Amino acid sequence: MEASQKIQCYSCSKDLDLSPAQKITRSEECPYCYASLHCCKMCKFYDPTAYNECKETNADRILEKEKANFCDYFILKGGSGSGDEKDDLMAAANALFKI
């Protein structure tokens, strides 16, 4: 069984009982402070130093990083989507240079 990673709410910093691979719906909230979980600040692509504060270059610009959104690129911070960082990078490169 895979060791679980600690996932914390961006707002209250409390540990959440979530799996990194778990699908988060737009309406889900932190059980402690009721902050939206499907938001930029809970996404693995969120980076305050990146353009539009997002490392995913194809994502639409979202101004309110703490509000729930419909971003198709959302992956829960701590999650890895396909399970391996190297595989994720290769998939992104292949998608970028696809013929």
PDB file of N, CA and C in Angstrom:
ATOM      1  N   MET A   1       0.845  -1.183   0.000  1.00  0.00           N
ATOM      2  CA  MET A   1       0.000   0.000   0.000  1.00  0.00           C
ATOM      3  C   MET A   1       0.881   1.235   0.000  1.00  0.00           C
ATOM      4  N   GLU A   2       0.514   2.236  -0.790  1.00  0.00           N
ATOM      5  CA  GLU A   2       1.298   3.449  -0.941  1.00  0.00           C
ATOM      6  C   GLU A   2       1.233   4.297   0.325  1.00  0.00           C
ATOM      7  N   ALA A   3       2.384   4.842   0.732  1.00  0.00           N
ATOM      8  CA  ALA A   3       2.421   5.724   1.888  1.00  0.00           C
ATOM      9  C   ALA A   3       1.699   7.015   1.532  1.00  0.00           C
ATOM     10  N   SER A   4       0.820   7.459   2.410  1.00  0.00           N
ATOM     11  CA  SER A   4       0.056   8.652   2.103  1.00  0.00           C
ATOM     12  C   SER A   4       0.879   9.906   2.388  1.00  0.00           C
ATOM     13  N   GLN A   5       0.734  10.884   1.498  1.00  0.00           N
ATOM     14  CA  GLN A   5       1.391  12.158   1.678  1.00  0.00           C
ATOM     15  C   GLN A   5       0.447  13.070   2.436  1.00  0.00           C
ATOM     16  N   LYS A   6       1.034  13.981   3.209  1.00  0.00           N
ATOM     17  CA  LYS A   6       0.196  14.943   3.912  1.00  0.00           C
ATOM     18  C   LYS A   6      -0.193  16.043   2.946  1.00  0.00           C
ATOM     19  N   ILE A   7      -1.471  16.287   2.868  1.00  0.00           N
ATOM     20  CA  ILE A   7      -1.984  17.377   2.055  1.00  0.00           C
ATOM     21  C   ILE A   7      -2.618  18.358   3.026  1.00  0.00           C
ATOM     22  N   GLN A   8      -2.186  19.612   2.925  1.00  0.00           N
ATOM     23  CA  GLN A   8      -2.676  20.628   3.839  1.00  0.00           C
ATOM     24  C   GLN A   8      -3.508  21.658   3.097  1.00  0.00           C
ATOM     25  N   CYS A   9      -4.492  22.195   3.778  1.00  0.00           N
ATOM     26  CA  CYS A   9      -5.308  23.275   3.245  1.00  0.00           C
ATOM     27  C   CYS A   9      -4.421  24.514   3.108  1.00  0.00           C
ATOM     28  N   TYR A  10      -4.556  25.220   1.991  1.00  0.00           N
ATOM     29  CA  TYR A  10      -3.756  26.429   1.784  1.00  0.00           C
ATOM     30  C   TYR A  10      -4.164  27.529   2.757  1.00  0.00           C
ATOM     31  N   SER A  11      -5.395  27.506   3.232  1.00  0.00           N
ATOM     32  CA  SER A  11      -5.920  28.577   4.065  1.00  0.00           C
ATOM     33  C   SER A  11      -5.635  28.396   5.558  1.00  0.00           C
ATOM     34  N   CYS A  12      -5.956  27.213   6.095  1.00  0.00           N
ATOM     35  CA  CYS A  12      -5.801  26.992   7.536  1.00  0.00           C
ATOM     36  C   CYS A  12      -4.610  26.112   7.885  1.00  0.00           C
ATOM     37  N   SER A  13      -3.976  25.522   6.883  1.00  0.00           N
ATOM     38  CA  SER A  13      -2.787  24.658   7.041  1.00  0.00           C
ATOM     39  C   SER A  13      -3.042  23.377   7.823  1.00  0.00           C
ATOM     40  N   LYS A  14      -4.294  23.002   7.967  1.00  0.00           N
ATOM     41  CA  LYS A  14      -4.598  21.739   8.647  1.00  0.00           C
ATOM     42  C   LYS A  14      -4.474  20.590   7.657  1.00  0.00           C
ATOM     43  N   ASP A  15      -4.046  19.417   8.169  1.00  0.00           N
ATOM     44  CA  ASP A  15      -3.923  18.225   7.338  1.00  0.00           C
ATOM     45  C   ASP A  15      -5.310  17.767   6.898  1.00  0.00           C
ATOM     46  N   LEU A  16      -5.409  17.435   5.628  1.00  0.00           N
ATOM     47  CA  LEU A  16      -6.666  16.959   5.057  1.00  0.00           C
ATOM     48  C   LEU A  16      -6.578  15.469   4.802  1.00  0.00           C
ATOM     49  N   ASP A  17      -7.664  14.777   4.992  1.00  0.00           N
ATOM     50  CA  ASP A  17      -7.719  13.337   4.775  1.00  0.00           C
ATOM     51  C   ASP A  17      -8.040  13.065   3.306  1.00  0.00           C
ATOM     52  N   LEU A  18      -7.050  13.349   2.442  1.00  0.00           N
ATOM     53  CA  LEU A  18      -7.222  13.185   1.000  1.00  0.00           C
ATOM     54  C   LEU A  18      -6.077  12.375   0.431  1.00  0.00           C
ATOM     55  N   SER A  19      -6.371  11.631  -0.590  1.00  0.00           N
ATOM     56  CA  SER A  19      -5.345  10.913  -1.329  1.00  0.00           C
ATOM     57  C   SER A  19      -4.823  11.843  -2.419  1.00  0.00           C
ATOM     58  N   PRO A  20      -3.500  11.845  -2.678  1.00  0.00           N
ATOM     59  CA  PRO A  20      -2.963  12.712  -3.732  1.00  0.00           C
ATOM     60  C   PRO A  20      -3.565  12.443  -5.104  1.00  0.00           C
ATOM     61  N   ALA A  21      -4.015  11.239  -5.357  1.00  0.00           N
ATOM     62  CA  ALA A  21      -4.588  10.901  -6.654  1.00  0.00           C
ATOM     63  C   ALA A  21      -6.106  11.109  -6.691  1.00  0.00           C
ATOM     64  N   GLN A  22      -6.691  11.518  -5.580  1.00  0.00           N
ATOM     65  CA  GLN A  22      -8.141  11.681  -5.481  1.00  0.00           C
ATOM     66  C   GLN A  22      -8.632  12.810  -6.374  1.00  0.00           C
ATOM     67  N   LYS A  23      -9.738  12.595  -7.041  1.00  0.00           N
ATOM     68  CA  LYS A  23     -10.357  13.617  -7.880  1.00  0.00           C
ATOM     69  C   LYS A  23     -11.117  14.577  -6.973  1.00  0.00           C
ATOM     70  N   ILE A  24     -10.812  15.858  -7.110  1.00  0.00           N
ATOM     71  CA  ILE A  24     -11.462  16.883  -6.308  1.00  0.00           C
ATOM     72  C   ILE A  24     -12.484  17.597  -7.182  1.00  0.00           C
ATOM     73  N   THR A  25     -13.734  17.653  -6.734  1.00  0.00           N
ATOM     74  CA  THR A  25     -14.765  18.350  -7.495  1.00  0.00           C
ATOM     75  C   THR A  25     -14.734  19.835  -7.156  1.00  0.00           C
ATOM     76  N   ARG A  26     -15.350  20.620  -8.008  1.00  0.00           N
ATOM     77  CA  ARG A  26     -15.345  22.071  -7.844  1.00  0.00           C
ATOM     78  C   ARG A  26     -15.998  22.515  -6.533  1.00  0.00           C
ATOM     79  N   SER A  27     -16.925  21.750  -6.021  1.00  0.00           N
ATOM     80  CA  SER A  27     -17.672  22.172  -4.836  1.00  0.00           C
ATOM     81  C   SER A  27     -17.052  21.730  -3.509  1.00  0.00           C
ATOM     82  N   GLU A  28     -15.964  20.969  -3.544  1.00  0.00           N
ATOM     83  CA  GLU A  28     -15.384  20.477  -2.291  1.00  0.00           C
ATOM     84  C   GLU A  28     -14.699  21.587  -1.505  1.00  0.00           C
ATOM     85  N   GLU A  29     -14.846  21.484  -0.179  1.00  0.00           N
ATOM     86  CA  GLU A  29     -14.296  22.496   0.721  1.00  0.00           C
ATOM     87  C   GLU A  29     -13.510  21.846   1.845  1.00  0.00           C
ATOM     88  N   CYS A  30     -12.638  22.629   2.447  1.00  0.00           N
ATOM     89  CA  CYS A  30     -11.899  22.180   3.626  1.00  0.00           C
ATOM     90  C   CYS A  30     -12.913  21.973   4.756  1.00  0.00           C
ATOM     91  N   PRO A  31     -12.860  20.842   5.453  1.00  0.00           N
ATOM     92  CA  PRO A  31     -13.817  20.602   6.531  1.00  0.00           C
ATOM     93  C   PRO A  31     -13.579  21.485   7.765  1.00  0.00           C
ATOM     94  N   TYR A  32     -12.440  22.155   7.825  1.00  0.00           N
ATOM     95  CA  TYR A  32     -12.117  22.988   8.987  1.00  0.00           C
ATOM     96  C   TYR A  32     -12.441  24.462   8.767  1.00  0.00           C
ATOM     97  N   CYS A  33     -12.065  25.018   7.611  1.00  0.00           N
ATOM     98  CA  CYS A  33     -12.256  26.454   7.379  1.00  0.00           C
ATOM     99  C   CYS A  33     -13.182  26.751   6.197  1.00  0.00           C
ATOM    100  N   TYR A  34     -13.633  25.704   5.509  1.00  0.00           N
ATOM    101  CA  TYR A  34     -14.554  25.810   4.377  1.00  0.00           C
ATOM    102  C   TYR A  34     -13.970  26.553   3.174  1.00  0.00           C
ATOM    103  N   ALA A  35     -12.655  26.572   3.046  1.00  0.00           N
ATOM    104  CA  ALA A  35     -12.013  27.143   1.862  1.00  0.00           C
ATOM    105  C   ALA A  35     -12.185  26.166   0.699  1.00  0.00           C
ATOM    106  N   SER A  36     -12.292  26.676  -0.506  1.00  0.00           N
ATOM    107  CA  SER A  36     -12.424  25.837  -1.695  1.00  0.00           C
ATOM    108  C   SER A  36     -11.163  25.013  -1.902  1.00  0.00           C
ATOM    109  N   LEU A  37     -11.332  23.735  -2.247  1.00  0.00           N
ATOM    110  CA  LEU A  37     -10.188  22.866  -2.491  1.00  0.00           C
ATOM    111  C   LEU A  37      -9.824  22.793  -3.977  1.00  0.00           C
ATOM    112  N   HIS A  38     -10.801  23.000  -4.869  1.00  0.00           N
ATOM    113  CA  HIS A  38     -10.521  22.976  -6.314  1.00  0.00           C
ATOM    114  C   HIS A  38     -10.212  24.415  -6.745  1.00  0.00           C
ATOM    115  N   CYS A  39      -9.074  24.905  -6.268  1.00  0.00           N
ATOM    116  CA  CYS A  39      -8.658  26.264  -6.582  1.00  0.00           C
ATOM    117  C   CYS A  39      -7.168  26.264  -6.903  1.00  0.00           C
ATOM    118  N   CYS A  40      -6.697  27.351  -7.459  1.00  0.00           N
ATOM    119  CA  CYS A  40      -5.296  27.435  -7.874  1.00  0.00           C
ATOM    120  C   CYS A  40      -4.323  27.156  -6.730  1.00  0.00           C
ATOM    121  N   LYS A  41      -4.612  27.657  -5.564  1.00  0.00           N
ATOM    122  CA  LYS A  41      -3.673  27.511  -4.453  1.00  0.00           C
ATOM    123  C   LYS A  41      -3.553  26.075  -3.944  1.00  0.00           C
ATOM    124  N   MET A  42      -4.434  25.186  -4.379  1.00  0.00           N
ATOM    125  CA  MET A  42      -4.354  23.776  -4.003  1.00  0.00           C
ATOM    126  C   MET A  42      -3.851  22.920  -5.172  1.00  0.00           C
ATOM    127  N   CYS A  43      -3.472  23.562  -6.264  1.00  0.00           N
ATOM    128  CA  CYS A  43      -3.044  22.846  -7.471  1.00  0.00           C
ATOM    129  C   CYS A  43      -1.530  22.719  -7.531  1.00  0.00           C
ATOM    130  N   LYS A  44      -1.055  21.599  -8.064  1.00  0.00           N
ATOM    131  CA  LYS A  44       0.390  21.390  -8.168  1.00  0.00           C
ATOM    132  C   LYS A  44       1.033  22.342  -9.172  1.00  0.00           C
ATOM    133  N   PHE A  45       0.265  22.932 -10.073  1.00  0.00           N
ATOM    134  CA  PHE A  45       0.814  23.872 -11.046  1.00  0.00           C
ATOM    135  C   PHE A  45       0.892  25.302 -10.513  1.00  0.00           C
ATOM    136  N   TYR A  46       0.315  25.565  -9.351  1.00  0.00           N
ATOM    137  CA  TYR A  46       0.343  26.915  -8.788  1.00  0.00           C
ATOM    138  C   TYR A  46       1.768  27.298  -8.399  1.00  0.00           C
ATOM    139  N   ASP A  47       2.211  28.442  -8.893  1.00  0.00           N
ATOM    140  CA  ASP A  47       3.540  28.953  -8.585  1.00  0.00           C
ATOM    141  C   ASP A  47       3.479  30.486  -8.639  1.00  0.00           C
ATOM    142  N   PRO A  48       3.579  31.143  -7.492  1.00  0.00           N
ATOM    143  CA  PRO A  48       3.477  32.606  -7.470  1.00  0.00           C
ATOM    144  C   PRO A  48       4.533  33.310  -8.318  1.00  0.00           C
ATOM    145  N   THR A  49       5.626  32.632  -8.651  1.00  0.00           N
ATOM    146  CA  THR A  49       6.688  33.261  -9.440  1.00  0.00           C
ATOM    147  C   THR A  49       6.522  33.039 -10.946  1.00  0.00           C
ATOM    148  N   ALA A  50       5.591  32.194 -11.350  1.00  0.00           N
ATOM    149  CA  ALA A  50       5.377  31.897 -12.772  1.00  0.00           C
ATOM    150  C   ALA A  50       4.424  32.916 -13.403  1.00  0.00           C
ATOM    151  N   TYR A  51       4.453  32.978 -14.741  1.00  0.00           N
ATOM    152  CA  TYR A  51       3.520  33.831 -15.467  1.00  0.00           C
ATOM    153  C   TYR A  51       2.089  33.407 -15.135  1.00  0.00           C
ATOM    154  N   ASN A  52       1.240  34.351 -14.794  1.00  0.00           N
ATOM    155  CA  ASN A  52      -0.141  34.090 -14.360  1.00  0.00           C
ATOM    156  C   ASN A  52      -0.211  33.198 -13.122  1.00  0.00           C
ATOM    157  N   GLU A  53       0.918  33.034 -12.434  1.00  0.00           N
ATOM    158  CA  GLU A  53       1.022  32.218 -11.223  1.00  0.00           C
ATOM    159  C   GLU A  53       0.680  30.749 -11.478  1.00  0.00           C
ATOM    160  N   CYS A  54       0.946  30.280 -12.707  1.00  0.00           N
ATOM    161  CA  CYS A  54       0.634  28.904 -13.069  1.00  0.00           C
ATOM    162  C   CYS A  54       1.726  28.339 -13.970  1.00  0.00           C
ATOM    163  N   LYS A  55       2.223  27.144 -13.640  1.00  0.00           N
ATOM    164  CA  LYS A  55       3.256  26.497 -14.453  1.00  0.00           C
ATOM    165  C   LYS A  55       2.667  25.814 -15.683  1.00  0.00           C
ATOM    166  N   GLU A  56       1.370  25.616 -15.730  1.00  0.00           N
ATOM    167  CA  GLU A  56       0.714  25.014 -16.900  1.00  0.00           C
ATOM    168  C   GLU A  56       0.435  26.131 -17.904  1.00  0.00           C
ATOM    169  N   THR A  57       1.181  26.157 -18.980  1.00  0.00           N
ATOM    170  CA  THR A  57       1.098  27.258 -19.943  1.00  0.00           C
ATOM    171  C   THR A  57      -0.195  27.281 -20.750  1.00  0.00           C
ATOM    172  N   ASN A  58      -0.902  26.162 -20.846  1.00  0.00           N
ATOM    173  CA  ASN A  58      -2.142  26.113 -21.618  1.00  0.00           C
ATOM    174  C   ASN A  58      -3.380  26.470 -20.801  1.00  0.00           C
ATOM    175  N   ALA A  59      -3.227  26.619 -19.510  1.00  0.00           N
ATOM    176  CA  ALA A  59      -4.377  26.912 -18.646  1.00  0.00           C
ATOM    177  C   ALA A  59      -4.858  28.340 -18.862  1.00  0.00           C
ATOM    178  N   ASP A  60      -6.160  28.526 -18.764  1.00  0.00           N
ATOM    179  CA  ASP A  60      -6.733  29.866 -18.843  1.00  0.00           C
ATOM    180  C   ASP A  60      -6.315  30.668 -17.622  1.00  0.00           C
ATOM    181  N   ARG A  61      -6.226  31.975 -17.790  1.00  0.00           N
ATOM    182  CA  ARG A  61      -5.862  32.846 -16.668  1.00  0.00           C
ATOM    183  C   ARG A  61      -7.012  32.906 -15.678  1.00  0.00           C
ATOM    184  N   ILE A  62      -6.682  32.700 -14.421  1.00  0.00           N
ATOM    185  CA  ILE A  62      -7.673  32.782 -13.345  1.00  0.00           C
ATOM    186  C   ILE A  62      -7.186  33.841 -12.374  1.00  0.00           C
ATOM    187  N   LEU A  63      -7.998  34.859 -12.153  1.00  0.00           N
ATOM    188  CA  LEU A  63      -7.586  35.976 -11.308  1.00  0.00           C
ATOM    189  C   LEU A  63      -7.707  35.666  -9.824  1.00  0.00           C
ATOM    190  N   GLU A  64      -8.772  34.988  -9.436  1.00  0.00           N
ATOM    191  CA  GLU A  64      -9.010  34.715  -8.021  1.00  0.00           C
ATOM    192  C   GLU A  64      -8.493  33.320  -7.687  1.00  0.00           C
ATOM    193  N   LYS A  65      -7.266  33.251  -7.206  1.00  0.00           N
ATOM    194  CA  LYS A  65      -6.559  31.990  -6.977  1.00  0.00           C
ATOM    195  C   LYS A  65      -7.127  31.177  -5.813  1.00  0.00           C
ATOM    196  N   GLU A  66      -7.932  31.796  -4.965  1.00  0.00           N
ATOM    197  CA  GLU A  66      -8.462  31.111  -3.790  1.00  0.00           C
ATOM    198  C   GLU A  66      -9.898  30.659  -3.967  1.00  0.00           C
ATOM    199  N   LYS A  67     -10.488  30.936  -5.117  1.00  0.00           N
ATOM    200  CA  LYS A  67     -11.884  30.566  -5.365  1.00  0.00           C
ATOM    201  C   LYS A  67     -11.951  29.320  -6.237  1.00  0.00           C
ATOM    202  N   ALA A  68     -13.026  28.568  -6.070  1.00  0.00           N
ATOM    203  CA  ALA A  68     -13.250  27.364  -6.884  1.00  0.00           C
ATOM    204  C   ALA A  68     -13.304  27.753  -8.352  1.00  0.00           C
ATOM    205  N   ASN A  69     -12.759  26.878  -9.219  1.00  0.00           N
ATOM    206  CA  ASN A  69     -12.746  27.172 -10.645  1.00  0.00           C
ATOM    207  C   ASN A  69     -12.980  25.895 -11.445  1.00  0.00           C
ATOM    208  N   PHE A  70     -13.056  26.052 -12.754  1.00  0.00           N
ATOM    209  CA  PHE A  70     -13.322  24.928 -13.657  1.00  0.00           C
ATOM    210  C   PHE A  70     -12.084  24.510 -14.441  1.00  0.00           C
ATOM    211  N   CYS A  71     -10.900  24.797 -13.949  1.00  0.00           N
ATOM    212  CA  CYS A  71      -9.668  24.504 -14.680  1.00  0.00           C
ATOM    213  C   CYS A  71      -9.540  23.003 -14.943  1.00  0.00           C
ATOM    214  N   ASP A  72      -9.336  22.656 -16.211  1.00  0.00           N
ATOM    215  CA  ASP A  72      -9.188  21.249 -16.605  1.00  0.00           C
ATOM    216  C   ASP A  72      -7.815  20.686 -16.245  1.00  0.00           C
ATOM    217  N   TYR A  73      -6.864  21.547 -15.946  1.00  0.00           N
ATOM    218  CA  TYR A  73      -5.506  21.099 -15.642  1.00  0.00           C
ATOM    219  C   TYR A  73      -5.271  20.880 -14.151  1.00  0.00           C
ATOM    220  N   PHE A  74      -6.287  21.095 -13.334  1.00  0.00           N
ATOM    221  CA  PHE A  74      -6.134  20.987 -11.881  1.00  0.00           C
ATOM    222  C   PHE A  74      -5.688  19.584 -11.464  1.00  0.00           C
ATOM    223  N   ILE A  75      -4.596  19.540 -10.704  1.00  0.00           N
ATOM    224  CA  ILE A  75      -4.128  18.320 -10.046  1.00  0.00           C
ATOM    225  C   ILE A  75      -3.829  18.706  -8.609  1.00  0.00           C
ATOM    226  N   LEU A  76      -4.402  17.996  -7.684  1.00  0.00           N
ATOM    227  CA  LEU A  76      -4.236  18.305  -6.276  1.00  0.00           C
ATOM    228  C   LEU A  76      -2.762  18.363  -5.905  1.00  0.00           C
ATOM    229  N   LYS A  77      -2.370  19.431  -5.232  1.00  0.00           N
ATOM    230  CA  LYS A  77      -0.984  19.581  -4.805  1.00  0.00           C
ATOM    231  C   LYS A  77      -0.596  18.372  -3.971  1.00  0.00           C
ATOM    232  N   GLY A  78       0.528  17.769  -4.289  1.00  0.00           N
ATOM    233  CA  GLY A  78       0.928  16.527  -3.621  1.00  0.00           C
ATOM    234  C   GLY A  78       0.555  15.326  -4.462  1.00  0.00           C
ATOM    235  N   GLY A  79      -0.402  15.501  -5.365  1.00  0.00           N
ATOM    236  CA  GLY A  79      -0.758  14.452  -6.298  1.00  0.00           C
ATOM    237  C   GLY A  79       0.142  14.547  -7.508  1.00  0.00           C
ATOM    238  N   SER A  80       0.180  13.505  -8.292  1.00  0.00           N
ATOM    239  CA  SER A  80       1.051  13.548  -9.460  1.00  0.00           C
ATOM    240  C   SER A  80       0.346  13.124 -10.736  1.00  0.00           C
ATOM    241  N   GLY A  81      -0.942  12.974 -10.691  1.00  0.00           N
ATOM    242  CA  GLY A  81      -1.670  12.614 -11.906  1.00  0.00           C
ATOM    243  C   GLY A  81      -1.350  11.202 -12.361  1.00  0.00           C
ATOM    244  N   SER A  82      -0.243  11.024 -13.085  1.00  0.00           N
ATOM    245  CA  SER A  82       0.092   9.696 -13.608  1.00  0.00           C
ATOM    246  C   SER A  82       0.948   8.897 -12.645  1.00  0.00           C
ATOM    247  N   GLY A  83       1.404   9.501 -11.574  1.00  0.00           N
ATOM    248  CA  GLY A  83       2.127   8.750 -10.565  1.00  0.00           C
ATOM    249  C   GLY A  83       3.623   8.973 -10.526  1.00  0.00           C
ATOM    250  N   ASP A  84       4.227   9.551 -11.570  1.00  0.00           N
ATOM    251  CA  ASP A  84       5.664   9.723 -11.584  1.00  0.00           C
ATOM    252  C   ASP A  84       6.017  11.066 -12.221  1.00  0.00           C
ATOM    253  N   GLU A  85       6.819  11.860 -11.541  1.00  0.00           N
ATOM    254  CA  GLU A  85       7.204  13.182 -12.024  1.00  0.00           C
ATOM    255  C   GLU A  85       7.863  13.116 -13.397  1.00  0.00           C
ATOM    256  N   LYS A  86       8.740  12.151 -13.616  1.00  0.00           N
ATOM    257  CA  LYS A  86       9.422  12.017 -14.902  1.00  0.00           C
ATOM    258  C   LYS A  86       8.411  11.733 -16.009  1.00  0.00           C
ATOM    259  N   ASP A  87       7.459  10.851 -15.738  1.00  0.00           N
ATOM    260  CA  ASP A  87       6.425  10.549 -16.731  1.00  0.00           C
ATOM    261  C   ASP A  87       5.573  11.780 -17.037  1.00  0.00           C
ATOM    262  N   ASP A  88       5.281  12.563 -15.996  1.00  0.00           N
ATOM    263  CA  ASP A  88       4.506  13.781 -16.200  1.00  0.00           C
ATOM    264  C   ASP A  88       5.246  14.755 -17.105  1.00  0.00           C
ATOM    265  N   LEU A  89       6.545  14.910 -16.872  1.00  0.00           N
ATOM    266  CA  LEU A  89       7.341  15.820 -17.691  1.00  0.00           C
ATOM    267  C   LEU A  89       7.428  15.345 -19.139  1.00  0.00           C
ATOM    268  N   MET A  90       7.592  14.052 -19.331  1.00  0.00           N
ATOM    269  CA  MET A  90       7.647  13.502 -20.691  1.00  0.00           C
ATOM    270  C   MET A  90       6.304  13.670 -21.406  1.00  0.00           C
ATOM    271  N   ALA A  91       5.227  13.453 -20.696  1.00  0.00           N
ATOM    272  CA  ALA A  91       3.897  13.626 -21.298  1.00  0.00           C
ATOM    273  C   ALA A  91       3.673  15.076 -21.700  1.00  0.00           C
ATOM    274  N   ALA A  92       4.113  16.004 -20.871  1.00  0.00           N
ATOM    275  CA  ALA A  92       3.971  17.418 -21.193  1.00  0.00           C
ATOM    276  C   ALA A  92       4.820  17.785 -22.407  1.00  0.00           C
ATOM    277  N   ALA A  93       6.050  17.267 -22.487  1.00  0.00           N
ATOM    278  CA  ALA A  93       6.921  17.540 -23.624  1.00  0.00           C
ATOM    279  C   ALA A  93       6.340  16.937 -24.903  1.00  0.00           C
ATOM    280  N   ASN A  94       5.831  15.713 -24.823  1.00  0.00           N
ATOM    281  CA  ASN A  94       5.234  15.068 -25.989  1.00  0.00           C
ATOM    282  C   ASN A  94       3.997  15.829 -26.477  1.00  0.00           C
ATOM    283  N   ALA A  95       3.199  16.332 -25.547  1.00  0.00           N
ATOM    284  CA  ALA A  95       2.020  17.095 -25.918  1.00  0.00           C
ATOM    285  C   ALA A  95       2.418  18.412 -26.576  1.00  0.00           C
ATOM    286  N   LEU A  96       3.488  19.006 -26.085  1.00  0.00           N
ATOM    287  CA  LEU A  96       3.950  20.273 -26.637  1.00  0.00           C
ATOM    288  C   LEU A  96       4.448  20.121 -28.064  1.00  0.00           C
ATOM    289  N   PHE A  97       5.171  19.036 -28.348  1.00  0.00           N
ATOM    290  CA  PHE A  97       5.778  18.842 -29.656  1.00  0.00           C
ATOM    291  C   PHE A  97       5.021  17.855 -30.533  1.00  0.00           C
ATOM    292  N   LYS A  98       3.778  17.583 -30.186  1.00  0.00           N
ATOM    293  CA  LYS A  98       3.011  16.604 -30.961  1.00  0.00           C
ATOM    294  C   LYS A  98       2.776  17.121 -32.368  1.00  0.00           C
ATOM    295  N   ILE A  99       2.876  16.233 -33.312  1.00  0.00           N
ATOM    296  CA  ILE A  99       2.771  16.600 -34.729  1.00  0.00           C
ATOM    297  C   ILE A  99       1.338  16.558 -35.197  1.00  0.00           C
TER     298      ILE A  99
END
